[in-house]
Amino acid sequence: MLTKQKKAKIVKESAVHDTDSGSPEVQVALLSKRIDELTSHLRKHNKDKHSRRGLLQMVADRRSHLKYLEGKDKKRYNAIIKKLGLKK
């Protein structure tokens, strides 16, 4: 689970401008962090089907944000992919 401090740090690192909290870059970064944490949880608790469903929903949500960003601004899309270490 993301604490307020972790979330604020991720938002600060990914923000496009000072008061940014909802741009696709920030949302993708937050979802990526939550996906990483949930993936490590599921490695320990592989029968947790409810969390697995939540993980799949987050992955789909991140994919839709990335698809939107790719269509809107290819340069920003490539920057966030490179920054987070995601593959196409």
PDB file of N, CA and C in Angstrom:
ATOM      1  N   MET A   1       0.837  -1.176   0.000  1.00  0.00           N
ATOM      2  CA  MET A   1       0.000   0.000   0.000  1.00  0.00           C
ATOM      3  C   MET A   1       0.885   1.243   0.000  1.00  0.00           C
ATOM      4  N   LEU A   2       0.514   2.220  -0.784  1.00  0.00           N
ATOM      5  CA  LEU A   2       1.292   3.451  -0.865  1.00  0.00           C
ATOM      6  C   LEU A   2       0.957   4.364   0.305  1.00  0.00           C
ATOM      7  N   THR A   3       1.976   4.789   1.015  1.00  0.00           N
ATOM      8  CA  THR A   3       1.766   5.770   2.071  1.00  0.00           C
ATOM      9  C   THR A   3       1.690   7.151   1.453  1.00  0.00           C
ATOM     10  N   LYS A   4       1.261   8.122   2.236  1.00  0.00           N
ATOM     11  CA  LYS A   4       1.150   9.487   1.725  1.00  0.00           C
ATOM     12  C   LYS A   4       2.507  10.027   1.288  1.00  0.00           C
ATOM     13  N   GLN A   5       3.554   9.670   2.028  1.00  0.00           N
ATOM     14  CA  GLN A   5       4.887  10.148   1.695  1.00  0.00           C
ATOM     15  C   GLN A   5       5.376   9.557   0.380  1.00  0.00           C
ATOM     16  N   LYS A   6       5.185   8.246   0.200  1.00  0.00           N
ATOM     17  CA  LYS A   6       5.595   7.593  -1.045  1.00  0.00           C
ATOM     18  C   LYS A   6       4.835   8.170  -2.235  1.00  0.00           C
ATOM     19  N   LYS A   7       3.529   8.366  -2.034  1.00  0.00           N
ATOM     20  CA  LYS A   7       2.698   8.885  -3.106  1.00  0.00           C
ATOM     21  C   LYS A   7       3.115  10.312  -3.473  1.00  0.00           C
ATOM     22  N   ALA A   8       3.391  11.136  -2.467  1.00  0.00           N
ATOM     23  CA  ALA A   8       3.817  12.512  -2.723  1.00  0.00           C
ATOM     24  C   ALA A   8       5.152  12.533  -3.468  1.00  0.00           C
ATOM     25  N   LYS A   9       6.054  11.634  -3.114  1.00  0.00           N
ATOM     26  CA  LYS A   9       7.350  11.561  -3.783  1.00  0.00           C
ATOM     27  C   LYS A   9       7.188  11.175  -5.257  1.00  0.00           C
ATOM     28  N   ILE A  10       6.330  10.199  -5.523  1.00  0.00           N
ATOM     29  CA  ILE A  10       6.100   9.760  -6.900  1.00  0.00           C
ATOM     30  C   ILE A  10       5.457  10.874  -7.707  1.00  0.00           C
ATOM     31  N   VAL A  11       4.495  11.570  -7.115  1.00  0.00           N
ATOM     32  CA  VAL A  11       3.829  12.672  -7.808  1.00  0.00           C
ATOM     33  C   VAL A  11       4.835  13.776  -8.114  1.00  0.00           C
ATOM     34  N   LYS A  12       5.695  14.082  -7.154  1.00  0.00           N
ATOM     35  CA  LYS A  12       6.689  15.137  -7.348  1.00  0.00           C
ATOM     36  C   LYS A  12       7.667  14.776  -8.463  1.00  0.00           C
ATOM     37  N   GLU A  13       8.078  13.516  -8.531  1.00  0.00           N
ATOM     38  CA  GLU A  13       9.025  13.073  -9.555  1.00  0.00           C
ATOM     39  C   GLU A  13       8.407  13.048 -10.950  1.00  0.00           C
ATOM     40  N   SER A  14       7.116  12.756 -11.036  1.00  0.00           N
ATOM     41  CA  SER A  14       6.476  12.561 -12.341  1.00  0.00           C
ATOM     42  C   SER A  14       5.677  13.762 -12.816  1.00  0.00           C
ATOM     43  N   ALA A  15       5.509  14.760 -11.987  1.00  0.00           N
ATOM     44  CA  ALA A  15       4.639  15.884 -12.312  1.00  0.00           C
ATOM     45  C   ALA A  15       5.172  16.691 -13.491  1.00  0.00           C
ATOM     46  N   VAL A  16       4.254  17.162 -14.319  1.00  0.00           N
ATOM     47  CA  VAL A  16       4.600  17.983 -15.468  1.00  0.00           C
ATOM     48  C   VAL A  16       4.850  19.423 -15.016  1.00  0.00           C
ATOM     49  N   HIS A  17       4.054  19.883 -14.030  1.00  0.00           N
ATOM     50  CA  HIS A  17       4.241  21.213 -13.458  1.00  0.00           C
ATOM     51  C   HIS A  17       4.017  21.132 -11.953  1.00  0.00           C
ATOM     52  N   ASP A  18       4.167  22.230 -11.245  1.00  0.00           N
ATOM     53  CA  ASP A  18       4.174  22.217  -9.780  1.00  0.00           C
ATOM     54  C   ASP A  18       2.888  21.694  -9.145  1.00  0.00           C
ATOM     55  N   THR A  19       1.744  22.078  -9.681  1.00  0.00           N
ATOM     56  CA  THR A  19       0.480  21.680  -9.058  1.00  0.00           C
ATOM     57  C   THR A  19      -0.145  20.459  -9.732  1.00  0.00           C
ATOM     58  N   ASP A  20       0.640  19.729 -10.484  1.00  0.00           N
ATOM     59  CA  ASP A  20       0.143  18.579 -11.232  1.00  0.00           C
ATOM     60  C   ASP A  20      -0.109  17.397 -10.311  1.00  0.00           C
ATOM     61  N   SER A  21      -1.310  16.827 -10.395  1.00  0.00           N
ATOM     62  CA  SER A  21      -1.588  15.618  -9.633  1.00  0.00           C
ATOM     63  C   SER A  21      -2.415  14.619 -10.436  1.00  0.00           C
ATOM     64  N   GLY A  22      -2.807  14.971 -11.656  1.00  0.00           N
ATOM     65  CA  GLY A  22      -3.675  14.083 -12.408  1.00  0.00           C
ATOM     66  C   GLY A  22      -3.286  13.857 -13.847  1.00  0.00           C
ATOM     67  N   SER A  23      -2.098  14.285 -14.239  1.00  0.00           N
ATOM     68  CA  SER A  23      -1.678  14.075 -15.621  1.00  0.00           C
ATOM     69  C   SER A  23      -1.463  12.582 -15.867  1.00  0.00           C
ATOM     70  N   PRO A  24      -1.492  12.165 -17.114  1.00  0.00           N
ATOM     71  CA  PRO A  24      -1.282  10.744 -17.404  1.00  0.00           C
ATOM     72  C   PRO A  24       0.056  10.220 -16.872  1.00  0.00           C
ATOM     73  N   GLU A  25       1.093  11.062 -16.898  1.00  0.00           N
ATOM     74  CA  GLU A  25       2.396  10.632 -16.398  1.00  0.00           C
ATOM     75  C   GLU A  25       2.330  10.274 -14.915  1.00  0.00           C
ATOM     76  N   VAL A  26       1.668  11.122 -14.134  1.00  0.00           N
ATOM     77  CA  VAL A  26       1.545  10.875 -12.693  1.00  0.00           C
ATOM     78  C   VAL A  26       0.711   9.628 -12.447  1.00  0.00           C
ATOM     79  N   GLN A  27      -0.392   9.498 -13.162  1.00  0.00           N
ATOM     80  CA  GLN A  27      -1.256   8.340 -12.963  1.00  0.00           C
ATOM     81  C   GLN A  27      -0.550   7.044 -13.345  1.00  0.00           C
ATOM     82  N   VAL A  28       0.208   7.063 -14.428  1.00  0.00           N
ATOM     83  CA  VAL A  28       0.945   5.866 -14.844  1.00  0.00           C
ATOM     84  C   VAL A  28       2.016   5.520 -13.811  1.00  0.00           C
ATOM     85  N   ALA A  29       2.706   6.525 -13.284  1.00  0.00           N
ATOM     86  CA  ALA A  29       3.745   6.273 -12.283  1.00  0.00           C
ATOM     87  C   ALA A  29       3.145   5.679 -11.010  1.00  0.00           C
ATOM     88  N   LEU A  30       2.020   6.221 -10.549  1.00  0.00           N
ATOM     89  CA  LEU A  30       1.377   5.693  -9.346  1.00  0.00           C
ATOM     90  C   LEU A  30       0.867   4.273  -9.574  1.00  0.00           C
ATOM     91  N   LEU A  31       0.249   4.039 -10.710  1.00  0.00           N
ATOM     92  CA  LEU A  31      -0.230   2.691 -11.011  1.00  0.00           C
ATOM     93  C   LEU A  31       0.925   1.701 -11.109  1.00  0.00           C
ATOM     94  N   SER A  32       2.033   2.118 -11.696  1.00  0.00           N
ATOM     95  CA  SER A  32       3.196   1.231 -11.816  1.00  0.00           C
ATOM     96  C   SER A  32       3.727   0.836 -10.446  1.00  0.00           C
ATOM     97  N   LYS A  33       3.778   1.773  -9.536  1.00  0.00           N
ATOM     98  CA  LYS A  33       4.256   1.474  -8.182  1.00  0.00           C
ATOM     99  C   LYS A  33       3.309   0.510  -7.478  1.00  0.00           C
ATOM    100  N   ARG A  34       1.999   0.759  -7.607  1.00  0.00           N
ATOM    101  CA  ARG A  34       1.019  -0.125  -6.981  1.00  0.00           C
ATOM    102  C   ARG A  34       1.069  -1.514  -7.603  1.00  0.00           C
ATOM    103  N   ILE A  35       1.265  -1.584  -8.910  1.00  0.00           N
ATOM    104  CA  ILE A  35       1.368  -2.873  -9.605  1.00  0.00           C
ATOM    105  C   ILE A  35       2.586  -3.642  -9.110  1.00  0.00           C
ATOM    106  N   ASP A  36       3.713  -2.959  -8.937  1.00  0.00           N
ATOM    107  CA  ASP A  36       4.922  -3.614  -8.430  1.00  0.00           C
ATOM    108  C   ASP A  36       4.701  -4.182  -7.033  1.00  0.00           C
ATOM    109  N   GLU A  37       4.063  -3.386  -6.164  1.00  0.00           N
ATOM    110  CA  GLU A  37       3.817  -3.852  -4.797  1.00  0.00           C
ATOM    111  C   GLU A  37       2.858  -5.041  -4.777  1.00  0.00           C
ATOM    112  N   LEU A  38       1.809  -4.968  -5.588  1.00  0.00           N
ATOM    113  CA  LEU A  38       0.833  -6.049  -5.611  1.00  0.00           C
ATOM    114  C   LEU A  38       1.419  -7.318  -6.237  1.00  0.00           C
ATOM    115  N   THR A  39       2.311  -7.159  -7.189  1.00  0.00           N
ATOM    116  CA  THR A  39       2.971  -8.310  -7.796  1.00  0.00           C
ATOM    117  C   THR A  39       3.811  -9.052  -6.761  1.00  0.00           C
ATOM    118  N   SER A  40       4.531  -8.298  -5.929  1.00  0.00           N
ATOM    119  CA  SER A  40       5.335  -8.965  -4.898  1.00  0.00           C
ATOM    120  C   SER A  40       4.433  -9.643  -3.863  1.00  0.00           C
ATOM    121  N   HIS A  41       3.278  -9.056  -3.572  1.00  0.00           N
ATOM    122  CA  HIS A  41       2.326  -9.691  -2.661  1.00  0.00           C
ATOM    123  C   HIS A  41       1.820 -11.010  -3.242  1.00  0.00           C
ATOM    124  N   LEU A  42       1.519 -11.000  -4.540  1.00  0.00           N
ATOM    125  CA  LEU A  42       0.971 -12.203  -5.164  1.00  0.00           C
ATOM    126  C   LEU A  42       2.006 -13.309  -5.322  1.00  0.00           C
ATOM    127  N   ARG A  43       3.278 -12.949  -5.319  1.00  0.00           N
ATOM    128  CA  ARG A  43       4.312 -13.998  -5.351  1.00  0.00           C
ATOM    129  C   ARG A  43       4.289 -14.805  -4.059  1.00  0.00           C
ATOM    130  N   LYS A  44       3.983 -14.142  -2.941  1.00  0.00           N
ATOM    131  CA  LYS A  44       3.910 -14.841  -1.655  1.00  0.00           C
ATOM    132  C   LYS A  44       2.569 -15.548  -1.481  1.00  0.00           C
ATOM    133  N   HIS A  45       1.501 -14.895  -1.940  1.00  0.00           N
ATOM    134  CA  HIS A  45       0.143 -15.399  -1.735  1.00  0.00           C
ATOM    135  C   HIS A  45      -0.488 -15.678  -3.099  1.00  0.00           C
ATOM    136  N   ASN A  46      -0.065 -16.764  -3.721  1.00  0.00           N
ATOM    137  CA  ASN A  46      -0.473 -17.016  -5.097  1.00  0.00           C
ATOM    138  C   ASN A  46      -1.940 -17.438  -5.235  1.00  0.00           C
ATOM    139  N   LYS A  47      -2.629 -17.735  -4.163  1.00  0.00           N
ATOM    140  CA  LYS A  47      -4.038 -18.112  -4.250  1.00  0.00           C
ATOM    141  C   LYS A  47      -4.979 -16.939  -3.971  1.00  0.00           C
ATOM    142  N   ASP A  48      -4.448 -15.753  -3.838  1.00  0.00           N
ATOM    143  CA  ASP A  48      -5.249 -14.561  -3.560  1.00  0.00           C
ATOM    144  C   ASP A  48      -5.878 -14.062  -4.868  1.00  0.00           C
ATOM    145  N   LYS A  49      -7.008 -14.638  -5.218  1.00  0.00           N
ATOM    146  CA  LYS A  49      -7.645 -14.347  -6.507  1.00  0.00           C
ATOM    147  C   LYS A  49      -8.235 -12.943  -6.558  1.00  0.00           C
ATOM    148  N   HIS A  50      -8.705 -12.411  -5.443  1.00  0.00           N
ATOM    149  CA  HIS A  50      -9.288 -11.071  -5.430  1.00  0.00           C
ATOM    150  C   HIS A  50      -8.230 -10.007  -5.713  1.00  0.00           C
ATOM    151  N   SER A  51      -7.071 -10.169  -5.139  1.00  0.00           N
ATOM    152  CA  SER A  51      -5.987  -9.221  -5.407  1.00  0.00           C
ATOM    153  C   SER A  51      -5.494  -9.352  -6.840  1.00  0.00           C
ATOM    154  N   ARG A  52      -5.508 -10.557  -7.367  1.00  0.00           N
ATOM    155  CA  ARG A  52      -5.095 -10.764  -8.754  1.00  0.00           C
ATOM    156  C   ARG A  52      -6.036 -10.036  -9.710  1.00  0.00           C
ATOM    157  N   ARG A  53      -7.318 -10.049  -9.395  1.00  0.00           N
ATOM    158  CA  ARG A  53      -8.286  -9.338 -10.228  1.00  0.00           C
ATOM    159  C   ARG A  53      -8.021  -7.834 -10.170  1.00  0.00           C
ATOM    160  N   GLY A  54      -7.721  -7.323  -8.980  1.00  0.00           N
ATOM    161  CA  GLY A  54      -7.386  -5.912  -8.843  1.00  0.00           C
ATOM    162  C   GLY A  54      -6.136  -5.559  -9.625  1.00  0.00           C
ATOM    163  N   LEU A  55      -5.165  -6.452  -9.614  1.00  0.00           N
ATOM    164  CA  LEU A  55      -3.933  -6.240 -10.371  1.00  0.00           C
ATOM    165  C   LEU A  55      -4.230  -6.139 -11.861  1.00  0.00           C
ATOM    166  N   LEU A  56      -5.045  -7.036 -12.366  1.00  0.00           N
ATOM    167  CA  LEU A  56      -5.398  -7.007 -13.782  1.00  0.00           C
ATOM    168  C   LEU A  56      -6.138  -5.716 -14.149  1.00  0.00           C
ATOM    169  N   GLN A  57      -6.975  -5.226 -13.255  1.00  0.00           N
ATOM    170  CA  GLN A  57      -7.675  -3.970 -13.504  1.00  0.00           C
ATOM    171  C   GLN A  57      -6.696  -2.799 -13.551  1.00  0.00           C
ATOM    172  N   MET A  58      -5.710  -2.805 -12.636  1.00  0.00           N
ATOM    173  CA  MET A  58      -4.713  -1.735 -12.627  1.00  0.00           C
ATOM    174  C   MET A  58      -3.858  -1.765 -13.896  1.00  0.00           C
ATOM    175  N   VAL A  59      -3.486  -2.964 -14.336  1.00  0.00           N
ATOM    176  CA  VAL A  59      -2.693  -3.084 -15.557  1.00  0.00           C
ATOM    177  C   VAL A  59      -3.484  -2.554 -16.754  1.00  0.00           C
ATOM    178  N   ALA A  60      -4.764  -2.884 -16.817  1.00  0.00           N
ATOM    179  CA  ALA A  60      -5.602  -2.394 -17.907  1.00  0.00           C
ATOM    180  C   ALA A  60      -5.751  -0.876 -17.845  1.00  0.00           C
ATOM    181  N   ASP A  61      -5.891  -0.337 -16.645  1.00  0.00           N
ATOM    182  CA  ASP A  61      -6.012   1.114 -16.473  1.00  0.00           C
ATOM    183  C   ASP A  61      -4.725   1.815 -16.902  1.00  0.00           C
ATOM    184  N   ARG A  62      -3.583   1.250 -16.507  1.00  0.00           N
ATOM    185  CA  ARG A  62      -2.303   1.834 -16.906  1.00  0.00           C
ATOM    186  C   ARG A  62      -2.139   1.775 -18.421  1.00  0.00           C
ATOM    187  N   ARG A  63      -2.534   0.666 -19.013  1.00  0.00           N
ATOM    188  CA  ARG A  63      -2.442   0.519 -20.463  1.00  0.00           C
ATOM    189  C   ARG A  63      -3.291   1.570 -21.177  1.00  0.00           C
ATOM    190  N   SER A  64      -4.476   1.843 -20.648  1.00  0.00           N
ATOM    191  CA  SER A  64      -5.334   2.838 -21.295  1.00  0.00           C
ATOM    192  C   SER A  64      -4.757   4.243 -21.146  1.00  0.00           C
ATOM    193  N   HIS A  65      -4.153   4.549 -19.995  1.00  0.00           N
ATOM    194  CA  HIS A  65      -3.495   5.854 -19.823  1.00  0.00           C
ATOM    195  C   HIS A  65      -2.317   5.989 -20.789  1.00  0.00           C
ATOM    196  N   LEU A  66      -1.551   4.922 -20.940  1.00  0.00           N
ATOM    197  CA  LEU A  66      -0.412   4.967 -21.861  1.00  0.00           C
ATOM    198  C   LEU A  66      -0.869   5.102 -23.309  1.00  0.00           C
ATOM    199  N   LYS A  67      -1.940   4.428 -23.648  1.00  0.00           N
ATOM    200  CA  LYS A  67      -2.460   4.523 -25.013  1.00  0.00           C
ATOM    201  C   LYS A  67      -2.942   5.940 -25.301  1.00  0.00           C
ATOM    202  N   TYR A  68      -3.607   6.550 -24.328  1.00  0.00           N
ATOM    203  CA  TYR A  68      -4.048   7.944 -24.471  1.00  0.00           C
ATOM    204  C   TYR A  68      -2.853   8.861 -24.668  1.00  0.00           C
ATOM    205  N   LEU A  69      -1.843   8.693 -23.833  1.00  0.00           N
ATOM    206  CA  LEU A  69      -0.659   9.548 -23.894  1.00  0.00           C
ATOM    207  C   LEU A  69       0.093   9.345 -25.203  1.00  0.00           C
ATOM    208  N   GLU A  70       0.152   8.125 -25.693  1.00  0.00           N
ATOM    209  CA  GLU A  70       0.825   7.852 -26.955  1.00  0.00           C
ATOM    210  C   GLU A  70       0.143   8.572 -28.115  1.00  0.00           C
ATOM    211  N   GLY A  71      -1.172   8.602 -28.095  1.00  0.00           N
ATOM    212  CA  GLY A  71      -1.901   9.294 -29.144  1.00  0.00           C
ATOM    213  C   GLY A  71      -1.837  10.808 -29.020  1.00  0.00           C
ATOM    214  N   LYS A  72      -1.732  11.288 -27.800  1.00  0.00           N
ATOM    215  CA  LYS A  72      -1.736  12.728 -27.545  1.00  0.00           C
ATOM    216  C   LYS A  72      -0.369  13.364 -27.787  1.00  0.00           C
ATOM    217  N   ASP A  73       0.679  12.753 -27.221  1.00  0.00           N
ATOM    218  CA  ASP A  73       2.025  13.334 -27.312  1.00  0.00           C
ATOM    219  C   ASP A  73       3.057  12.213 -27.232  1.00  0.00           C
ATOM    220  N   LYS A  74       3.586  11.837 -28.379  1.00  0.00           N
ATOM    221  CA  LYS A  74       4.519  10.710 -28.478  1.00  0.00           C
ATOM    222  C   LYS A  74       5.801  10.946 -27.671  1.00  0.00           C
ATOM    223  N   LYS A  75       6.256  12.199 -27.604  1.00  0.00           N
ATOM    224  CA  LYS A  75       7.491  12.517 -26.882  1.00  0.00           C
ATOM    225  C   LYS A  75       7.325  12.275 -25.379  1.00  0.00           C
ATOM    226  N   ARG A  76       6.201  12.722 -24.820  1.00  0.00           N
ATOM    227  CA  ARG A  76       5.921  12.490 -23.392  1.00  0.00           C
ATOM    228  C   ARG A  76       5.741  11.003 -23.110  1.00  0.00           C
ATOM    229  N   TYR A  77       5.112  10.295 -24.046  1.00  0.00           N
ATOM    230  CA  TYR A  77       4.917   8.852 -23.907  1.00  0.00           C
ATOM    231  C   TYR A  77       6.264   8.135 -23.825  1.00  0.00           C
ATOM    232  N   ASN A  78       7.165   8.447 -24.755  1.00  0.00           N
ATOM    233  CA  ASN A  78       8.483   7.813 -24.755  1.00  0.00           C
ATOM    234  C   ASN A  78       9.265   8.150 -23.498  1.00  0.00           C
ATOM    235  N   ALA A  79       9.110   9.386 -23.006  1.00  0.00           N
ATOM    236  CA  ALA A  79       9.819   9.792 -21.790  1.00  0.00           C
ATOM    237  C   ALA A  79       9.350   8.995 -20.577  1.00  0.00           C
ATOM    238  N   ILE A  80       8.048   8.814 -20.426  1.00  0.00           N
ATOM    239  CA  ILE A  80       7.536   8.087 -19.246  1.00  0.00           C
ATOM    240  C   ILE A  80       7.857   6.595 -19.343  1.00  0.00           C
ATOM    241  N   ILE A  81       7.836   6.035 -20.552  1.00  0.00           N
ATOM    242  CA  ILE A  81       8.214   4.631 -20.750  1.00  0.00           C
ATOM    243  C   ILE A  81       9.665   4.416 -20.343  1.00  0.00           C
ATOM    244  N   LYS A  82      10.521   5.313 -20.786  1.00  0.00           N
ATOM    245  CA  LYS A  82      11.953   5.201 -20.477  1.00  0.00           C
ATOM    246  C   LYS A  82      12.194   5.406 -18.972  1.00  0.00           C
ATOM    247  N   LYS A  83      11.519   6.388 -18.382  1.00  0.00           N
ATOM    248  CA  LYS A  83      11.707   6.705 -16.967  1.00  0.00           C
ATOM    249  C   LYS A  83      11.281   5.559 -16.060  1.00  0.00           C
ATOM    250  N   LEU A  84      10.169   4.914 -16.398  1.00  0.00           N
ATOM    251  CA  LEU A  84       9.643   3.838 -15.550  1.00  0.00           C
ATOM    252  C   LEU A  84      10.182   2.469 -15.923  1.00  0.00           C
ATOM    253  N   GLY A  85      10.885   2.383 -17.057  1.00  0.00           N
ATOM    254  CA  GLY A  85      11.443   1.109 -17.470  1.00  0.00           C
ATOM    255  C   GLY A  85      10.401   0.149 -18.007  1.00  0.00           C
ATOM    256  N   LEU A  86       9.354   0.671 -18.605  1.00  0.00           N
ATOM    257  CA  LEU A  86       8.307  -0.159 -19.190  1.00  0.00           C
ATOM    258  C   LEU A  86       8.643  -0.447 -20.641  1.00  0.00           C
ATOM    259  N   LYS A  87       8.167  -1.562 -21.140  1.00  0.00           N
ATOM    260  CA  LYS A  87       8.374  -1.913 -22.546  1.00  0.00           C
ATOM    261  C   LYS A  87       7.085  -1.656 -23.300  1.00  0.00           C
ATOM    262  N   LYS A  88       7.237  -1.490 -24.599  1.00  0.00           N
ATOM    263  CA  LYS A  88       6.043  -1.355 -25.432  1.00  0.00           C
ATOM    264  C   LYS A  88       5.456  -2.700 -25.702  1.00  0.00           C
TER     265      LYS A  88
END
